[in-house]
């Protein structure tokens, strides 16, 4: 099965850490998002995922999202305010 690499960039954090995940292309984006959040010790339920430029990620498979952009910006509204 083909794999996709997504880069989750936690732009709300001062050091802007990046979590790169290589996952099956048919995995749901939400599953990958939760995995990336856990690797950063964060609760995915309070985070927002956007494409570069601020467009929200609608969901779907990681391949569908990666076809738009492999870089995902993760925003924590409790930090940004």
PDB file of N, CA and C in Angstrom:
ATOM      1  N   UNK A   1       0.845  -1.183   0.000  1.00  0.00           N
ATOM      2  CA  UNK A   1       0.000   0.000   0.000  1.00  0.00           C
ATOM      3  C   UNK A   1       0.891   1.248   0.000  1.00  0.00           C
ATOM      4  N   UNK A   2       0.460   2.223  -0.736  1.00  0.00           N
ATOM      5  CA  UNK A   2       1.221   3.476  -0.829  1.00  0.00           C
ATOM      6  C   UNK A   2       1.164   4.242   0.488  1.00  0.00           C
ATOM      7  N   UNK A   3       2.213   4.994   0.737  1.00  0.00           N
ATOM      8  CA  UNK A   3       2.333   5.789   1.963  1.00  0.00           C
ATOM      9  C   UNK A   3       2.369   7.277   1.605  1.00  0.00           C
ATOM     10  N   UNK A   4       1.943   8.098   2.535  1.00  0.00           N
ATOM     11  CA  UNK A   4       1.963   9.554   2.386  1.00  0.00           C
ATOM     12  C   UNK A   4       2.658  10.128   3.615  1.00  0.00           C
ATOM     13  N   UNK A   5       3.467  11.153   3.424  1.00  0.00           N
ATOM     14  CA  UNK A   5       4.090  11.850   4.545  1.00  0.00           C
ATOM     15  C   UNK A   5       3.430  13.207   4.711  1.00  0.00           C
ATOM     16  N   UNK A   6       2.926  13.455   5.906  1.00  0.00           N
ATOM     17  CA  UNK A   6       2.365  14.762   6.259  1.00  0.00           C
ATOM     18  C   UNK A   6       3.255  15.399   7.313  1.00  0.00           C
ATOM     19  N   UNK A   7       3.429  16.697   7.215  1.00  0.00           N
ATOM     20  CA  UNK A   7       4.204  17.454   8.206  1.00  0.00           C
ATOM     21  C   UNK A   7       3.232  18.345   8.971  1.00  0.00           C
ATOM     22  N   UNK A   8       3.074  18.084  10.252  1.00  0.00           N
ATOM     23  CA  UNK A   8       2.216  18.889  11.113  1.00  0.00           C
ATOM     24  C   UNK A   8       3.096  19.923  11.804  1.00  0.00           C
ATOM     25  N   UNK A   9       2.886  21.186  11.500  1.00  0.00           N
ATOM     26  CA  UNK A   9       3.694  22.278  12.040  1.00  0.00           C
ATOM     27  C   UNK A   9       2.862  22.980  13.111  1.00  0.00           C
ATOM     28  N   UNK A  10       3.299  22.901  14.341  1.00  0.00           N
ATOM     29  CA  UNK A  10       2.567  23.480  15.470  1.00  0.00           C
ATOM     30  C   UNK A  10       2.934  24.959  15.567  1.00  0.00           C
ATOM     31  N   UNK A  11       2.255  25.782  14.755  1.00  0.00           N
ATOM     32  CA  UNK A  11       2.644  27.185  14.601  1.00  0.00           C
ATOM     33  C   UNK A  11       2.300  28.049  15.810  1.00  0.00           C
ATOM     34  N   UNK A  12       1.463  27.565  16.710  1.00  0.00           N
ATOM     35  CA  UNK A  12       1.135  28.332  17.915  1.00  0.00           C
ATOM     36  C   UNK A  12       2.273  28.307  18.929  1.00  0.00           C
ATOM     37  N   UNK A  13       3.100  27.282  18.871  1.00  0.00           N
ATOM     38  CA  UNK A  13       4.205  27.138  19.821  1.00  0.00           C
ATOM     39  C   UNK A  13       5.375  28.018  19.393  1.00  0.00           C
ATOM     40  N   UNK A  14       6.072  28.566  20.354  1.00  0.00           N
ATOM     41  CA  UNK A  14       7.169  29.498  20.071  1.00  0.00           C
ATOM     42  C   UNK A  14       8.245  28.885  19.182  1.00  0.00           C
ATOM     43  N   UNK A  15       8.584  27.617  19.418  1.00  0.00           N
ATOM     44  CA  UNK A  15       9.650  26.988  18.627  1.00  0.00           C
ATOM     45  C   UNK A  15       9.134  26.288  17.366  1.00  0.00           C
ATOM     46  N   UNK A  16       7.824  26.340  17.128  1.00  0.00           N
ATOM     47  CA  UNK A  16       7.172  25.769  15.951  1.00  0.00           C
ATOM     48  C   UNK A  16       7.639  24.337  15.636  1.00  0.00           C
ATOM     49  N   UNK A  17       7.444  23.412  16.596  1.00  0.00           N
ATOM     50  CA  UNK A  17       7.879  22.035  16.360  1.00  0.00           C
ATOM     51  C   UNK A  17       7.117  21.392  15.197  1.00  0.00           C
ATOM     52  N   UNK A  18       7.764  20.436  14.552  1.00  0.00           N
ATOM     53  CA  UNK A  18       7.174  19.732  13.418  1.00  0.00           C
ATOM     54  C   UNK A  18       7.103  18.242  13.741  1.00  0.00           C
ATOM     55  N   UNK A  19       5.954  17.647  13.453  1.00  0.00           N
ATOM     56  CA  UNK A  19       5.800  16.200  13.559  1.00  0.00           C
ATOM     57  C   UNK A  19       5.554  15.686  12.147  1.00  0.00           C
ATOM     58  N   UNK A  20       6.462  14.871  11.645  1.00  0.00           N
ATOM     59  CA  UNK A  20       6.295  14.264  10.326  1.00  0.00           C
ATOM     60  C   UNK A  20       5.790  12.839  10.513  1.00  0.00           C
ATOM     61  N   UNK A  21       4.705  12.524   9.833  1.00  0.00           N
ATOM     62  CA  UNK A  21       4.132  11.183   9.914  1.00  0.00           C
ATOM     63  C   UNK A  21       4.093  10.563   8.527  1.00  0.00           C
ATOM     64  N   UNK A  22       4.523   9.335   8.433  1.00  0.00           N
ATOM     65  CA  UNK A  22       4.401   8.565   7.191  1.00  0.00           C
ATOM     66  C   UNK A  22       3.335   7.511   7.460  1.00  0.00           C
ATOM     67  N   UNK A  23       2.209   7.644   6.771  1.00  0.00           N
ATOM     68  CA  UNK A  23       1.043   6.803   7.048  1.00  0.00           C
ATOM     69  C   UNK A  23       0.458   6.270   5.741  1.00  0.00           C
ATOM     70  N   UNK A  24      -0.358   5.211   5.821  1.00  0.00           N
ATOM     71  CA  UNK A  24      -1.024   4.703   4.616  1.00  0.00           C
ATOM     72  C   UNK A  24      -1.920   5.788   4.010  1.00  0.00           C
ATOM     73  N   UNK A  25      -1.929   5.882   2.682  1.00  0.00           N
ATOM     74  CA  UNK A  25      -2.661   6.961   2.027  1.00  0.00           C
ATOM     75  C   UNK A  25      -4.169   6.882   2.225  1.00  0.00           C
ATOM     76  N   UNK A  26      -4.691   5.717   2.619  1.00  0.00           N
ATOM     77  CA  UNK A  26      -6.133   5.614   2.839  1.00  0.00           C
ATOM     78  C   UNK A  26      -6.537   5.883   4.294  1.00  0.00           C
ATOM     79  N   UNK A  27      -5.564   6.200   5.153  1.00  0.00           N
ATOM     80  CA  UNK A  27      -5.873   6.552   6.547  1.00  0.00           C
ATOM     81  C   UNK A  27      -6.678   7.852   6.566  1.00  0.00           C
ATOM     82  N   UNK A  28      -7.628   7.944   7.465  1.00  0.00           N
ATOM     83  CA  UNK A  28      -8.381   9.190   7.603  1.00  0.00           C
ATOM     84  C   UNK A  28      -7.473  10.281   8.154  1.00  0.00           C
ATOM     85  N   UNK A  29      -7.651  11.481   7.638  1.00  0.00           N
ATOM     86  CA  UNK A  29      -6.826  12.600   8.091  1.00  0.00           C
ATOM     87  C   UNK A  29      -6.958  12.788   9.594  1.00  0.00           C
ATOM     88  N   UNK A  30      -8.166  12.649  10.127  1.00  0.00           N
ATOM     89  CA  UNK A  30      -8.388  12.879  11.559  1.00  0.00           C
ATOM     90  C   UNK A  30      -7.535  11.939  12.409  1.00  0.00           C
ATOM     91  N   UNK A  31      -7.359  10.701  11.962  1.00  0.00           N
ATOM     92  CA  UNK A  31      -6.517   9.749  12.696  1.00  0.00           C
ATOM     93  C   UNK A  31      -5.063  10.227  12.733  1.00  0.00           C
ATOM     94  N   UNK A  32      -4.571  10.695  11.610  1.00  0.00           N
ATOM     95  CA  UNK A  32      -3.195  11.199  11.546  1.00  0.00           C
ATOM     96  C   UNK A  32      -3.047  12.448  12.407  1.00  0.00           C
ATOM     97  N   UNK A  33      -4.051  13.306  12.397  1.00  0.00           N
ATOM     98  CA  UNK A  33      -4.039  14.538  13.182  1.00  0.00           C
ATOM     99  C   UNK A  33      -3.955  14.223  14.677  1.00  0.00           C
ATOM    100  N   UNK A  34      -4.756  13.277  15.129  1.00  0.00           N
ATOM    101  CA  UNK A  34      -4.743  12.875  16.543  1.00  0.00           C
ATOM    102  C   UNK A  34      -3.383  12.279  16.910  1.00  0.00           C
ATOM    103  N   UNK A  35      -2.813  11.467  16.034  1.00  0.00           N
ATOM    104  CA  UNK A  35      -1.498  10.872  16.279  1.00  0.00           C
ATOM    105  C   UNK A  35      -0.426  11.950  16.414  1.00  0.00           C
ATOM    106  N   UNK A  36      -0.446  12.933  15.520  1.00  0.00           N
ATOM    107  CA  UNK A  36       0.535  14.027  15.577  1.00  0.00           C
ATOM    108  C   UNK A  36       0.380  14.829  16.867  1.00  0.00           C
ATOM    109  N   UNK A  37      -0.853  15.099  17.261  1.00  0.00           N
ATOM    110  CA  UNK A  37      -1.098  15.851  18.497  1.00  0.00           C
ATOM    111  C   UNK A  37      -0.563  15.083  19.708  1.00  0.00           C
ATOM    112  N   UNK A  38      -0.816  13.784  19.751  1.00  0.00           N
ATOM    113  CA  UNK A  38      -0.326  12.965  20.869  1.00  0.00           C
ATOM    114  C   UNK A  38       1.194  12.983  20.944  1.00  0.00           C
ATOM    115  N   UNK A  39       1.861  12.963  19.793  1.00  0.00           N
ATOM    116  CA  UNK A  39       3.331  13.008  19.785  1.00  0.00           C
ATOM    117  C   UNK A  39       3.846  14.316  20.371  1.00  0.00           C
ATOM    118  N   UNK A  40       3.043  15.368  20.316  1.00  0.00           N
ATOM    119  CA  UNK A  40       3.421  16.661  20.897  1.00  0.00           C
ATOM    120  C   UNK A  40       2.868  16.819  22.314  1.00  0.00           C
ATOM    121  N   UNK A  41       2.157  15.801  22.806  1.00  0.00           N
ATOM    122  CA  UNK A  41       1.580  15.868  24.145  1.00  0.00           C
ATOM    123  C   UNK A  41       0.400  16.818  24.221  1.00  0.00           C
ATOM    124  N   UNK A  42      -0.337  16.935  23.122  1.00  0.00           N
ATOM    125  CA  UNK A  42      -1.463  17.869  23.060  1.00  0.00           C
ATOM    126  C   UNK A  42      -2.769  17.120  22.845  1.00  0.00           C
ATOM    127  N   UNK A  43      -3.860  17.774  23.197  1.00  0.00           N
ATOM    128  CA  UNK A  43      -5.202  17.238  23.023  1.00  0.00           C
ATOM    129  C   UNK A  43      -5.742  17.712  21.675  1.00  0.00           C
ATOM    130  N   UNK A  44      -5.916  16.798  20.736  1.00  0.00           N
ATOM    131  CA  UNK A  44      -6.354  17.154  19.382  1.00  0.00           C
ATOM    132  C   UNK A  44      -7.733  17.802  19.364  1.00  0.00           C
ATOM    133  N   UNK A  45      -8.548  17.546  20.383  1.00  0.00           N
ATOM    134  CA  UNK A  45      -9.911  18.088  20.369  1.00  0.00           C
ATOM    135  C   UNK A  45      -9.948  19.606  20.502  1.00  0.00           C
ATOM    136  N   UNK A  46      -8.860  20.219  20.981  1.00  0.00           N
ATOM    137  CA  UNK A  46      -8.855  21.682  21.094  1.00  0.00           C
ATOM    138  C   UNK A  46      -8.008  22.350  20.013  1.00  0.00           C
ATOM    139  N   UNK A  47      -7.402  21.548  19.134  1.00  0.00           N
ATOM    140  CA  UNK A  47      -6.532  22.093  18.097  1.00  0.00           C
ATOM    141  C   UNK A  47      -7.288  22.271  16.785  1.00  0.00           C
ATOM    142  N   UNK A  48      -6.782  23.148  15.942  1.00  0.00           N
ATOM    143  CA  UNK A  48      -7.334  23.380  14.615  1.00  0.00           C
ATOM    144  C   UNK A  48      -6.255  23.094  13.584  1.00  0.00           C
ATOM    145  N   UNK A  49      -6.631  22.386  12.528  1.00  0.00           N
ATOM    146  CA  UNK A  49      -5.699  22.097  11.433  1.00  0.00           C
ATOM    147  C   UNK A  49      -6.089  22.923  10.218  1.00  0.00           C
ATOM    148  N   UNK A  50      -5.104  23.615   9.644  1.00  0.00           N
ATOM    149  CA  UNK A  50      -5.353  24.395   8.434  1.00  0.00           C
ATOM    150  C   UNK A  50      -4.262  24.107   7.410  1.00  0.00           C
ATOM    151  N   UNK A  51      -4.585  24.406   6.170  1.00  0.00           N
ATOM    152  CA  UNK A  51      -3.581  24.368   5.118  1.00  0.00           C
ATOM    153  C   UNK A  51      -2.811  25.675   5.177  1.00  0.00           C
ATOM    154  N   UNK A  52      -1.602  25.713   4.637  1.00  0.00           N
ATOM    155  CA  UNK A  52      -0.883  26.993   4.585  1.00  0.00           C
ATOM    156  C   UNK A  52      -1.769  28.038   3.895  1.00  0.00           C
ATOM    157  N   UNK A  53      -1.874  29.186   4.491  1.00  0.00           N
ATOM    158  CA  UNK A  53      -2.761  30.223   3.980  1.00  0.00           C
ATOM    159  C   UNK A  53      -4.049  30.324   4.774  1.00  0.00           C
ATOM    160  N   UNK A  54      -4.303  29.340   5.648  1.00  0.00           N
ATOM    161  CA  UNK A  54      -5.439  29.431   6.554  1.00  0.00           C
ATOM    162  C   UNK A  54      -6.689  28.681   6.160  1.00  0.00           C
ATOM    163  N   UNK A  55      -6.717  28.017   5.012  1.00  0.00           N
ATOM    164  CA  UNK A  55      -7.907  27.250   4.626  1.00  0.00           C
ATOM    165  C   UNK A  55      -8.065  26.049   5.553  1.00  0.00           C
ATOM    166  N   UNK A  56      -9.283  25.819   6.045  1.00  0.00           N
ATOM    167  CA  UNK A  56      -9.480  24.673   6.932  1.00  0.00           C
ATOM    168  C   UNK A  56      -9.301  23.355   6.182  1.00  0.00           C
ATOM    169  N   UNK A  57      -8.885  22.328   6.904  1.00  0.00           N
ATOM    170  CA  UNK A  57      -8.781  20.986   6.330  1.00  0.00           C
ATOM    171  C   UNK A  57     -10.151  20.342   6.486  1.00  0.00           C
ATOM    172  N   UNK A  58     -10.760  19.994   5.370  1.00  0.00           N
ATOM    173  CA  UNK A  58     -12.127  19.479   5.391  1.00  0.00           C
ATOM    174  C   UNK A  58     -12.216  18.048   5.902  1.00  0.00           C
ATOM    175  N   UNK A  59     -11.136  17.330   5.887  1.00  0.00           N
ATOM    176  CA  UNK A  59     -11.163  15.934   6.307  1.00  0.00           C
ATOM    177  C   UNK A  59     -10.877  15.040   5.126  1.00  0.00           C
ATOM    178  N   UNK A  60     -11.372  13.817   5.169  1.00  0.00           N
ATOM    179  CA  UNK A  60     -11.084  12.858   4.112  1.00  0.00           C
ATOM    180  C   UNK A  60      -9.859  12.044   4.452  1.00  0.00           C
ATOM    181  N   UNK A  61      -9.248  11.460   3.428  1.00  0.00           N
ATOM    182  CA  UNK A  61      -8.059  10.643   3.636  1.00  0.00           C
ATOM    183  C   UNK A  61      -6.816  11.524   3.638  1.00  0.00           C
ATOM    184  N   UNK A  62      -5.721  10.974   4.140  1.00  0.00           N
ATOM    185  CA  UNK A  62      -4.477  11.746   4.146  1.00  0.00           C
ATOM    186  C   UNK A  62      -4.011  12.022   2.719  1.00  0.00           C
ATOM    187  N   UNK A  63      -4.306  11.132   1.776  1.00  0.00           N
ATOM    188  CA  UNK A  63      -3.933  11.377   0.380  1.00  0.00           C
ATOM    189  C   UNK A  63      -4.687  12.583  -0.167  1.00  0.00           C
ATOM    190  N   UNK A  64      -5.983  12.674   0.126  1.00  0.00           N
ATOM    191  CA  UNK A  64      -6.780  13.815  -0.346  1.00  0.00           C
ATOM    192  C   UNK A  64      -6.233  15.120   0.215  1.00  0.00           C
ATOM    193  N   UNK A  65      -5.835  15.103   1.469  1.00  0.00           N
ATOM    194  CA  UNK A  65      -5.274  16.307   2.088  1.00  0.00           C
ATOM    195  C   UNK A  65      -3.892  16.595   1.510  1.00  0.00           C
ATOM    196  N   UNK A  66      -3.057  15.571   1.392  1.00  0.00           N
ATOM    197  CA  UNK A  66      -1.694  15.756   0.877  1.00  0.00           C
ATOM    198  C   UNK A  66      -1.690  16.234  -0.569  1.00  0.00           C
ATOM    199  N   UNK A  67      -2.722  15.890  -1.330  1.00  0.00           N
ATOM    200  CA  UNK A  67      -2.814  16.384  -2.706  1.00  0.00           C
ATOM    201  C   UNK A  67      -2.949  17.906  -2.732  1.00  0.00           C
ATOM    202  N   UNK A  68      -3.497  18.480  -1.667  1.00  0.00           N
ATOM    203  CA  UNK A  68      -3.601  19.947  -1.554  1.00  0.00           C
ATOM    204  C   UNK A  68      -2.334  20.527  -0.944  1.00  0.00           C
ATOM    205  N   UNK A  69      -1.829  19.890   0.113  1.00  0.00           N
ATOM    206  CA  UNK A  69      -0.576  20.306   0.753  1.00  0.00           C
ATOM    207  C   UNK A  69      -0.155  19.236   1.750  1.00  0.00           C
ATOM    208  N   UNK A  70       1.136  18.919   1.757  1.00  0.00           N
ATOM    209  CA  UNK A  70       1.664  17.958   2.733  1.00  0.00           C
ATOM    210  C   UNK A  70       2.016  18.647   4.042  1.00  0.00           C
ATOM    211  N   UNK A  71       2.007  19.983   4.040  1.00  0.00           N
ATOM    212  CA  UNK A  71       2.294  20.760   5.250  1.00  0.00           C
ATOM    213  C   UNK A  71       0.979  21.200   5.874  1.00  0.00           C
ATOM    214  N   UNK A  72       0.778  20.830   7.122  1.00  0.00           N
ATOM    215  CA  UNK A  72      -0.443  21.158   7.842  1.00  0.00           C
ATOM    216  C   UNK A  72      -0.081  22.058   9.013  1.00  0.00           C
ATOM    217  N   UNK A  73      -0.738  23.198   9.097  1.00  0.00           N
ATOM    218  CA  UNK A  73      -0.514  24.103  10.225  1.00  0.00           C
ATOM    219  C   UNK A  73      -1.474  23.724  11.341  1.00  0.00           C
ATOM    220  N   UNK A  74      -0.944  23.565  12.533  1.00  0.00           N
ATOM    221  CA  UNK A  74      -1.751  23.212  13.699  1.00  0.00           C
ATOM    222  C   UNK A  74      -1.753  24.408  14.636  1.00  0.00           C
ATOM    223  N   UNK A  75      -2.958  24.846  14.980  1.00  0.00           N
ATOM    224  CA  UNK A  75      -3.123  26.038  15.812  1.00  0.00           C
ATOM    225  C   UNK A  75      -3.812  25.647  17.112  1.00  0.00           C
ATOM    226  N   UNK A  76      -3.263  26.118  18.216  1.00  0.00           N
ATOM    227  CA  UNK A  76      -3.868  25.924  19.534  1.00  0.00           C
ATOM    228  C   UNK A  76      -4.491  27.253  19.937  1.00  0.00           C
ATOM    229  N   UNK A  77      -5.831  27.356  19.878  1.00  0.00           N
ATOM    230  CA  UNK A  77      -6.480  28.630  20.189  1.00  0.00           C
ATOM    231  C   UNK A  77      -6.226  29.121  21.613  1.00  0.00           C
ATOM    232  N   UNK A  78      -5.902  28.203  22.535  1.00  0.00           N
ATOM    233  CA  UNK A  78      -5.641  28.632  23.910  1.00  0.00           C
ATOM    234  C   UNK A  78      -4.316  29.376  24.021  1.00  0.00           C
ATOM    235  N   UNK A  79      -3.401  29.151  23.073  1.00  0.00           N
ATOM    236  CA  UNK A  79      -2.123  29.865  23.067  1.00  0.00           C
ATOM    237  C   UNK A  79      -2.230  31.150  22.266  1.00  0.00           C
ATOM    238  N   UNK A  80      -2.892  31.058  21.097  1.00  0.00           N
ATOM    239  CA  UNK A  80      -3.006  32.209  20.195  1.00  0.00           C
ATOM    240  C   UNK A  80      -3.936  33.258  20.775  1.00  0.00           C
ATOM    241  N   UNK A  81      -5.009  32.802  21.414  1.00  0.00           N
ATOM    242  CA  UNK A  81      -5.950  33.723  22.037  1.00  0.00           C
ATOM    243  C   UNK A  81      -7.002  34.074  21.117  1.00  0.00           C
TER     244      UNK A  81
END
